[in-house]
Amino acid sequence: MFSYGERMRPFRDWFILIAIFGAFSTASMVWNLWLFAKITAGETIGVATTTPVQQAPAFDVVEGLFVERGEERTRYIETYLPQDPSR
């Protein structure tokens, strides 16, 4: 099945290899350009979901930490008084 016959033909083999590489490269470039055009136009890729995305519970914990830190920062600015060690 994969015999060369009586003599080897490296030109044919390299030509086939380069042709296959060129076909795959062209297909990849066409696919990526199509994908880029869809994304820049603001279209969705794949199936668009109609149900709202549920927020994970871990995000609520992290958001709570940021709220606490913001409140503490506000207390440092407005409530806490600096201590003067010379008094």
PDB file of N, CA and C in Angstrom:
ATOM      1  N   MET A   1       0.822  -1.196   0.000  1.00  0.00           N
ATOM      2  CA  MET A   1       0.000   0.000   0.000  1.00  0.00           C
ATOM      3  C   MET A   1       0.864   1.257   0.000  1.00  0.00           C
ATOM      4  N   PHE A   2       1.860   1.331   0.863  1.00  0.00           N
ATOM      5  CA  PHE A   2       2.727   2.500   0.928  1.00  0.00           C
ATOM      6  C   PHE A   2       4.101   2.204   0.331  1.00  0.00           C
ATOM      7  N   SER A   3       4.141   1.580  -0.783  1.00  0.00           N
ATOM      8  CA  SER A   3       5.440   1.290  -1.394  1.00  0.00           C
ATOM      9  C   SER A   3       5.767   2.361  -2.422  1.00  0.00           C
ATOM     10  N   TYR A   4       7.047   2.620  -2.605  1.00  0.00           N
ATOM     11  CA  TYR A   4       7.505   3.632  -3.556  1.00  0.00           C
ATOM     12  C   TYR A   4       7.615   3.080  -4.967  1.00  0.00           C
ATOM     13  N   GLY A   5       7.573   1.830  -5.115  1.00  0.00           N
ATOM     14  CA  GLY A   5       7.776   1.264  -6.435  1.00  0.00           C
ATOM     15  C   GLY A   5       9.251   1.062  -6.695  1.00  0.00           C
ATOM     16  N   GLU A   6       9.639   1.315  -7.901  1.00  0.00           N
ATOM     17  CA  GLU A   6      11.032   1.071  -8.273  1.00  0.00           C
ATOM     18  C   GLU A   6      11.970   2.177  -7.844  1.00  0.00           C
ATOM     19  N   ARG A   7      11.488   3.409  -7.762  1.00  0.00           N
ATOM     20  CA  ARG A   7      12.374   4.506  -7.344  1.00  0.00           C
ATOM     21  C   ARG A   7      11.625   5.480  -6.447  1.00  0.00           C
ATOM     22  N   MET A   8      12.365   6.208  -5.635  1.00  0.00           N
ATOM     23  CA  MET A   8      11.777   7.159  -4.691  1.00  0.00           C
ATOM     24  C   MET A   8      11.507   8.483  -5.408  1.00  0.00           C
ATOM     25  N   ARG A   9      10.484   9.183  -4.961  1.00  0.00           N
ATOM     26  CA  ARG A   9      10.150  10.478  -5.539  1.00  0.00           C
ATOM     27  C   ARG A   9      10.015  11.511  -4.414  1.00  0.00           C
ATOM     28  N   PRO A  10      11.120  12.081  -3.954  1.00  0.00           N
ATOM     29  CA  PRO A  10      11.047  13.034  -2.836  1.00  0.00           C
ATOM     30  C   PRO A  10      10.299  14.319  -3.203  1.00  0.00           C
ATOM     31  N   PHE A  11      10.389  14.742  -4.467  1.00  0.00           N
ATOM     32  CA  PHE A  11       9.673  15.958  -4.862  1.00  0.00           C
ATOM     33  C   PHE A  11       8.170  15.775  -4.667  1.00  0.00           C
ATOM     34  N   ARG A  12       7.649  14.637  -5.064  1.00  0.00           N
ATOM     35  CA  ARG A  12       6.218  14.352  -4.907  1.00  0.00           C
ATOM     36  C   ARG A  12       5.842  14.312  -3.432  1.00  0.00           C
ATOM     37  N   ASP A  13       6.667  13.672  -2.616  1.00  0.00           N
ATOM     38  CA  ASP A  13       6.366  13.558  -1.189  1.00  0.00           C
ATOM     39  C   ASP A  13       6.360  14.925  -0.509  1.00  0.00           C
ATOM     40  N   TRP A  14       7.365  15.761  -0.802  1.00  0.00           N
ATOM     41  CA  TRP A  14       7.411  17.087  -0.212  1.00  0.00           C
ATOM     42  C   TRP A  14       6.269  17.950  -0.722  1.00  0.00           C
ATOM     43  N   PHE A  15       5.921  17.810  -1.999  1.00  0.00           N
ATOM     44  CA  PHE A  15       4.817  18.576  -2.546  1.00  0.00           C
ATOM     45  C   PHE A  15       3.503  18.221  -1.844  1.00  0.00           C
ATOM     46  N   ILE A  16       3.261  16.950  -1.611  1.00  0.00           N
ATOM     47  CA  ILE A  16       2.049  16.517  -0.913  1.00  0.00           C
ATOM     48  C   ILE A  16       2.044  17.038   0.521  1.00  0.00           C
ATOM     49  N   LEU A  17       3.193  16.949   1.192  1.00  0.00           N
ATOM     50  CA  LEU A  17       3.294  17.433   2.564  1.00  0.00           C
ATOM     51  C   LEU A  17       3.026  18.929   2.649  1.00  0.00           C
ATOM     52  N   ILE A  18       3.623  19.705   1.753  1.00  0.00           N
ATOM     53  CA  ILE A  18       3.427  21.156   1.758  1.00  0.00           C
ATOM     54  C   ILE A  18       2.008  21.511   1.358  1.00  0.00           C
ATOM     55  N   ALA A  19       1.415  20.758   0.432  1.00  0.00           N
ATOM     56  CA  ALA A  19       0.028  21.016   0.028  1.00  0.00           C
ATOM     57  C   ALA A  19      -0.930  20.765   1.187  1.00  0.00           C
ATOM     58  N   ILE A  20      -0.721  19.705   1.940  1.00  0.00           N
ATOM     59  CA  ILE A  20      -1.568  19.426   3.108  1.00  0.00           C
ATOM     60  C   ILE A  20      -1.399  20.517   4.150  1.00  0.00           C
ATOM     61  N   PHE A  21      -0.152  20.922   4.408  1.00  0.00           N
ATOM     62  CA  PHE A  21       0.101  22.001   5.362  1.00  0.00           C
ATOM     63  C   PHE A  21      -0.572  23.291   4.914  1.00  0.00           C
ATOM     64  N   GLY A  22      -0.483  23.606   3.626  1.00  0.00           N
ATOM     65  CA  GLY A  22      -1.105  24.821   3.097  1.00  0.00           C
ATOM     66  C   GLY A  22      -2.624  24.781   3.223  1.00  0.00           C
ATOM     67  N   ALA A  23      -3.213  23.617   2.980  1.00  0.00           N
ATOM     68  CA  ALA A  23      -4.667  23.492   3.101  1.00  0.00           C
ATOM     69  C   ALA A  23      -5.104  23.699   4.546  1.00  0.00           C
ATOM     70  N   PHE A  24      -4.400  23.086   5.488  1.00  0.00           N
ATOM     71  CA  PHE A  24      -4.742  23.271   6.892  1.00  0.00           C
ATOM     72  C   PHE A  24      -4.514  24.716   7.341  1.00  0.00           C
ATOM     73  N   SER A  25      -3.447  25.329   6.888  1.00  0.00           N
ATOM     74  CA  SER A  25      -3.182  26.725   7.256  1.00  0.00           C
ATOM     75  C   SER A  25      -4.251  27.653   6.692  1.00  0.00           C
ATOM     76  N   THR A  26      -4.647  27.435   5.447  1.00  0.00           N
ATOM     77  CA  THR A  26      -5.696  28.255   4.840  1.00  0.00           C
ATOM     78  C   THR A  26      -7.013  28.071   5.574  1.00  0.00           C
ATOM     79  N   ALA A  27      -7.363  26.829   5.890  1.00  0.00           N
ATOM     80  CA  ALA A  27      -8.600  26.570   6.626  1.00  0.00           C
ATOM     81  C   ALA A  27      -8.563  27.246   7.994  1.00  0.00           C
ATOM     82  N   SER A  28      -7.435  27.208   8.658  1.00  0.00           N
ATOM     83  CA  SER A  28      -7.308  27.842   9.971  1.00  0.00           C
ATOM     84  C   SER A  28      -7.448  29.356   9.864  1.00  0.00           C
ATOM     85  N   MET A  29      -6.827  29.963   8.863  1.00  0.00           N
ATOM     86  CA  MET A  29      -6.935  31.409   8.705  1.00  0.00           C
ATOM     87  C   MET A  29      -8.369  31.825   8.379  1.00  0.00           C
ATOM     88  N   VAL A  30      -9.040  31.079   7.506  1.00  0.00           N
ATOM     89  CA  VAL A  30     -10.422  31.405   7.173  1.00  0.00           C
ATOM     90  C   VAL A  30     -11.305  31.296   8.406  1.00  0.00           C
ATOM     91  N   TRP A  31     -11.135  30.229   9.178  1.00  0.00           N
ATOM     92  CA  TRP A  31     -11.923  30.043  10.407  1.00  0.00           C
ATOM     93  C   TRP A  31     -11.688  31.184  11.387  1.00  0.00           C
ATOM     94  N   ASN A  32     -10.430  31.556  11.601  1.00  0.00           N
ATOM     95  CA  ASN A  32     -10.119  32.620  12.556  1.00  0.00           C
ATOM     96  C   ASN A  32     -10.615  33.981  12.081  1.00  0.00           C
ATOM     97  N   LEU A  33     -10.552  34.263  10.786  1.00  0.00           N
ATOM     98  CA  LEU A  33     -11.082  35.524  10.275  1.00  0.00           C
ATOM     99  C   LEU A  33     -12.599  35.576  10.421  1.00  0.00           C
ATOM    100  N   TRP A  34     -13.278  34.478  10.171  1.00  0.00           N
ATOM    101  CA  TRP A  34     -14.731  34.425  10.344  1.00  0.00           C
ATOM    102  C   TRP A  34     -15.091  34.646  11.814  1.00  0.00           C
ATOM    103  N   LEU A  35     -14.357  33.976  12.694  1.00  0.00           N
ATOM    104  CA  LEU A  35     -14.600  34.114  14.126  1.00  0.00           C
ATOM    105  C   LEU A  35     -14.347  35.549  14.584  1.00  0.00           C
ATOM    106  N   PHE A  36     -13.276  36.150  14.122  1.00  0.00           N
ATOM    107  CA  PHE A  36     -12.951  37.534  14.468  1.00  0.00           C
ATOM    108  C   PHE A  36     -14.047  38.482  13.986  1.00  0.00           C
ATOM    109  N   ALA A  37     -14.548  38.273  12.778  1.00  0.00           N
ATOM    110  CA  ALA A  37     -15.597  39.131  12.235  1.00  0.00           C
ATOM    111  C   ALA A  37     -16.879  39.012  13.057  1.00  0.00           C
ATOM    112  N   LYS A  38     -17.227  37.820  13.476  1.00  0.00           N
ATOM    113  CA  LYS A  38     -18.436  37.641  14.293  1.00  0.00           C
ATOM    114  C   LYS A  38     -18.284  38.315  15.649  1.00  0.00           C
ATOM    115  N   ILE A  39     -17.123  38.174  16.261  1.00  0.00           N
ATOM    116  CA  ILE A  39     -16.911  38.740  17.590  1.00  0.00           C
ATOM    117  C   ILE A  39     -16.899  40.262  17.528  1.00  0.00           C
ATOM    118  N   THR A  40     -16.225  40.828  16.540  1.00  0.00           N
ATOM    119  CA  THR A  40     -16.179  42.293  16.445  1.00  0.00           C
ATOM    120  C   THR A  40     -17.538  42.880  16.089  1.00  0.00           C
ATOM    121  N   ALA A  41     -18.413  42.088  15.443  1.00  0.00           N
ATOM    122  CA  ALA A  41     -19.763  42.557  15.134  1.00  0.00           C
ATOM    123  C   ALA A  41     -20.678  42.436  16.349  1.00  0.00           C
ATOM    124  N   GLY A  42     -20.222  41.803  17.416  1.00  0.00           N
ATOM    125  CA  GLY A  42     -21.016  41.682  18.633  1.00  0.00           C
ATOM    126  C   GLY A  42     -21.969  40.510  18.627  1.00  0.00           C
ATOM    127  N   GLU A  43     -21.782  39.579  17.716  1.00  0.00           N
ATOM    128  CA  GLU A  43     -22.660  38.417  17.652  1.00  0.00           C
ATOM    129  C   GLU A  43     -22.200  37.355  18.637  1.00  0.00           C
ATOM    130  N   THR A  44     -23.124  36.470  18.985  1.00  0.00           N
ATOM    131  CA  THR A  44     -22.770  35.366  19.867  1.00  0.00           C
ATOM    132  C   THR A  44     -22.248  34.205  19.048  1.00  0.00           C
ATOM    133  N   ILE A  45     -21.387  33.441  19.660  1.00  0.00           N
ATOM    134  CA  ILE A  45     -20.842  32.256  19.014  1.00  0.00           C
ATOM    135  C   ILE A  45     -21.451  31.055  19.710  1.00  0.00           C
ATOM    136  N   GLY A  46     -22.077  30.210  18.958  1.00  0.00           N
ATOM    137  CA  GLY A  46     -22.743  29.063  19.553  1.00  0.00           C
ATOM    138  C   GLY A  46     -24.190  29.395  19.849  1.00  0.00           C
ATOM    139  N   VAL A  47     -24.750  28.704  20.803  1.00  0.00           N
ATOM    140  CA  VAL A  47     -26.153  28.873  21.152  1.00  0.00           C
ATOM    141  C   VAL A  47     -26.271  29.946  22.235  1.00  0.00           C
ATOM    142  N   ALA A  48     -27.095  30.935  21.978  1.00  0.00           N
ATOM    143  CA  ALA A  48     -27.303  32.005  22.955  1.00  0.00           C
ATOM    144  C   ALA A  48     -28.240  31.505  24.049  1.00  0.00           C
ATOM    145  N   THR A  49     -27.913  31.799  25.284  1.00  0.00           N
ATOM    146  CA  THR A  49     -28.757  31.382  26.394  1.00  0.00           C
ATOM    147  C   THR A  49     -29.854  32.406  26.620  1.00  0.00           C
ATOM    148  N   THR A  50     -31.024  31.922  26.970  1.00  0.00           N
ATOM    149  CA  THR A  50     -32.131  32.827  27.243  1.00  0.00           C
ATOM    150  C   THR A  50     -32.413  32.931  28.735  1.00  0.00           C
ATOM    151  N   THR A  51     -31.849  32.015  29.517  1.00  0.00           N
ATOM    152  CA  THR A  51     -32.061  32.058  30.958  1.00  0.00           C
ATOM    153  C   THR A  51     -30.981  32.916  31.598  1.00  0.00           C
ATOM    154  N   PRO A  52     -31.310  33.648  32.652  1.00  0.00           N
ATOM    155  CA  PRO A  52     -30.292  34.466  33.309  1.00  0.00           C
ATOM    156  C   PRO A  52     -29.248  33.582  33.997  1.00  0.00           C
ATOM    157  N   VAL A  53     -28.054  34.085  34.024  1.00  0.00           N
ATOM    158  CA  VAL A  53     -26.949  33.354  34.642  1.00  0.00           C
ATOM    159  C   VAL A  53     -27.054  33.491  36.156  1.00  0.00           C
ATOM    160  N   GLN A  54     -26.966  32.382  36.849  1.00  0.00           N
ATOM    161  CA  GLN A  54     -27.027  32.395  38.311  1.00  0.00           C
ATOM    162  C   GLN A  54     -25.647  32.722  38.874  1.00  0.00           C
ATOM    163  N   GLN A  55     -25.625  33.576  39.861  1.00  0.00           N
ATOM    164  CA  GLN A  55     -24.370  33.949  40.486  1.00  0.00           C
ATOM    165  C   GLN A  55     -23.977  32.873  41.503  1.00  0.00           C
ATOM    166  N   ALA A  56     -22.728  32.494  41.471  1.00  0.00           N
ATOM    167  CA  ALA A  56     -22.241  31.460  42.382  1.00  0.00           C
ATOM    168  C   ALA A  56     -22.213  32.001  43.811  1.00  0.00           C
ATOM    169  N   PRO A  57     -22.446  31.140  44.811  1.00  0.00           N
ATOM    170  CA  PRO A  57     -22.443  31.603  46.207  1.00  0.00           C
ATOM    171  C   PRO A  57     -21.095  32.154  46.650  1.00  0.00           C
ATOM    172  N   ALA A  58     -20.016  31.660  46.071  1.00  0.00           N
ATOM    173  CA  ALA A  58     -18.694  32.147  46.466  1.00  0.00           C
ATOM    174  C   ALA A  58     -18.525  33.621  46.122  1.00  0.00           C
ATOM    175  N   PHE A  59     -19.187  34.080  45.067  1.00  0.00           N
ATOM    176  CA  PHE A  59     -19.087  35.488  44.702  1.00  0.00           C
ATOM    177  C   PHE A  59     -19.726  36.374  45.760  1.00  0.00           C
ATOM    178  N   ASP A  60     -20.786  35.894  46.392  1.00  0.00           N
ATOM    179  CA  ASP A  60     -21.411  36.668  47.463  1.00  0.00           C
ATOM    180  C   ASP A  60     -20.462  36.833  48.638  1.00  0.00           C
ATOM    181  N   VAL A  61     -19.715  35.786  48.952  1.00  0.00           N
ATOM    182  CA  VAL A  61     -18.745  35.856  50.060  1.00  0.00           C
ATOM    183  C   VAL A  61     -17.654  36.869  49.728  1.00  0.00           C
ATOM    184  N   VAL A  62     -17.134  36.803  48.518  1.00  0.00           N
ATOM    185  CA  VAL A  62     -16.068  37.726  48.115  1.00  0.00           C
ATOM    186  C   VAL A  62     -16.592  39.156  48.078  1.00  0.00           C
ATOM    187  N   GLU A  63     -17.794  39.322  47.556  1.00  0.00           N
ATOM    188  CA  GLU A  63     -18.374  40.666  47.524  1.00  0.00           C
ATOM    189  C   GLU A  63     -18.564  41.211  48.940  1.00  0.00           C
ATOM    190  N   GLY A  64     -18.964  40.348  49.869  1.00  0.00           N
ATOM    191  CA  GLY A  64     -19.105  40.759  51.257  1.00  0.00           C
ATOM    192  C   GLY A  64     -17.778  41.207  51.862  1.00  0.00           C
ATOM    193  N   LEU A  65     -16.697  40.505  51.522  1.00  0.00           N
ATOM    194  CA  LEU A  65     -15.380  40.913  52.017  1.00  0.00           C
ATOM    195  C   LEU A  65     -15.000  42.296  51.503  1.00  0.00           C
ATOM    196  N   PHE A  66     -15.276  42.553  50.225  1.00  0.00           N
ATOM    197  CA  PHE A  66     -14.949  43.874  49.683  1.00  0.00           C
ATOM    198  C   PHE A  66     -15.801  44.963  50.319  1.00  0.00           C
ATOM    199  N   VAL A  67     -17.054  44.659  50.605  1.00  0.00           N
ATOM    200  CA  VAL A  67     -17.918  45.644  51.281  1.00  0.00           C
ATOM    201  C   VAL A  67     -17.380  45.930  52.675  1.00  0.00           C
ATOM    202  N   GLU A  68     -16.992  44.898  53.417  1.00  0.00           N
ATOM    203  CA  GLU A  68     -16.424  45.085  54.757  1.00  0.00           C
ATOM    204  C   GLU A  68     -15.157  45.920  54.718  1.00  0.00           C
ATOM    205  N   ARG A  69     -14.296  45.641  53.747  1.00  0.00           N
ATOM    206  CA  ARG A  69     -13.055  46.412  53.636  1.00  0.00           C
ATOM    207  C   ARG A  69     -13.341  47.876  53.303  1.00  0.00           C
ATOM    208  N   GLY A  70     -14.344  48.096  52.454  1.00  0.00           N
ATOM    209  CA  GLY A  70     -14.719  49.474  52.125  1.00  0.00           C
ATOM    210  C   GLY A  70     -15.257  50.215  53.331  1.00  0.00           C
ATOM    211  N   GLU A  71     -16.057  49.523  54.141  1.00  0.00           N
ATOM    212  CA  GLU A  71     -16.584  50.151  55.358  1.00  0.00           C
ATOM    213  C   GLU A  71     -15.461  50.451  56.342  1.00  0.00           C
ATOM    214  N   GLU A  72     -14.521  49.532  56.479  1.00  0.00           N
ATOM    215  CA  GLU A  72     -13.385  49.764  57.387  1.00  0.00           C
ATOM    216  C   GLU A  72     -12.537  50.933  56.898  1.00  0.00           C
ATOM    217  N   ARG A  73     -12.342  51.038  55.609  1.00  0.00           N
ATOM    218  CA  ARG A  73     -11.585  52.162  55.054  1.00  0.00           C
ATOM    219  C   ARG A  73     -12.299  53.477  55.375  1.00  0.00           C
ATOM    220  N   THR A  74     -13.616  53.489  55.228  1.00  0.00           N
ATOM    221  CA  THR A  74     -14.391  54.687  55.549  1.00  0.00           C
ATOM    222  C   THR A  74     -14.248  55.041  57.019  1.00  0.00           C
ATOM    223  N   ARG A  75     -14.260  54.041  57.898  1.00  0.00           N
ATOM    224  CA  ARG A  75     -14.086  54.311  59.338  1.00  0.00           C
ATOM    225  C   ARG A  75     -12.692  54.877  59.616  1.00  0.00           C
ATOM    226  N   TYR A  76     -11.663  54.388  58.935  1.00  0.00           N
ATOM    227  CA  TYR A  76     -10.323  54.937  59.127  1.00  0.00           C
ATOM    228  C   TYR A  76     -10.277  56.409  58.723  1.00  0.00           C
ATOM    229  N   ILE A  77     -10.996  56.758  57.684  1.00  0.00           N
ATOM    230  CA  ILE A  77     -10.961  58.147  57.209  1.00  0.00           C
ATOM    231  C   ILE A  77     -11.817  59.057  58.089  1.00  0.00           C
ATOM    232  N   GLU A  78     -13.008  58.607  58.482  1.00  0.00           N
ATOM    233  CA  GLU A  78     -13.963  59.498  59.140  1.00  0.00           C
ATOM    234  C   GLU A  78     -14.040  59.340  60.658  1.00  0.00           C
ATOM    235  N   THR A  79     -13.899  58.126  61.179  1.00  0.00           N
ATOM    236  CA  THR A  79     -14.190  57.885  62.587  1.00  0.00           C
ATOM    237  C   THR A  79     -12.941  57.814  63.453  1.00  0.00           C
ATOM    238  N   TYR A  80     -11.977  56.992  63.059  1.00  0.00           N
ATOM    239  CA  TYR A  80     -10.804  56.777  63.891  1.00  0.00           C
ATOM    240  C   TYR A  80      -9.955  58.042  63.974  1.00  0.00           C
ATOM    241  N   LEU A  81      -9.516  58.353  65.194  1.00  0.00           N
ATOM    242  CA  LEU A  81      -8.671  59.530  65.393  1.00  0.00           C
ATOM    243  C   LEU A  81      -7.227  59.066  65.568  1.00  0.00           C
ATOM    244  N   PRO A  82      -6.309  59.801  64.996  1.00  0.00           N
ATOM    245  CA  PRO A  82      -4.900  59.418  65.176  1.00  0.00           C
ATOM    246  C   PRO A  82      -4.475  59.654  66.623  1.00  0.00           C
ATOM    247  N   GLN A  83      -3.648  58.790  67.137  1.00  0.00           N
ATOM    248  CA  GLN A  83      -3.150  58.898  68.504  1.00  0.00           C
ATOM    249  C   GLN A  83      -1.812  59.642  68.469  1.00  0.00           C
ATOM    250  N   ASP A  84      -1.709  60.639  69.300  1.00  0.00           N
ATOM    251  CA  ASP A  84      -0.473  61.408  69.380  1.00  0.00           C
ATOM    252  C   ASP A  84       0.349  60.859  70.532  1.00  0.00           C
ATOM    253  N   PRO A  85       1.498  60.240  70.237  1.00  0.00           N
ATOM    254  CA  PRO A  85       2.304  59.646  71.317  1.00  0.00           C
ATOM    255  C   PRO A  85       2.966  60.677  72.227  1.00  0.00           C
ATOM    256  N   SER A  86       3.006  61.961  71.869  1.00  0.00           N
ATOM    257  CA  SER A  86       3.689  62.963  72.694  1.00  0.00           C
ATOM    258  C   SER A  86       2.803  63.423  73.833  1.00  0.00           C
ATOM    259  N   ARG A  87       1.542  63.092  73.873  1.00  0.00           N
ATOM    260  CA  ARG A  87       0.664  63.551  74.951  1.00  0.00           C
ATOM    261  C   ARG A  87       0.758  62.681  76.146  1.00  0.00           C
TER     262      ARG A  87
END
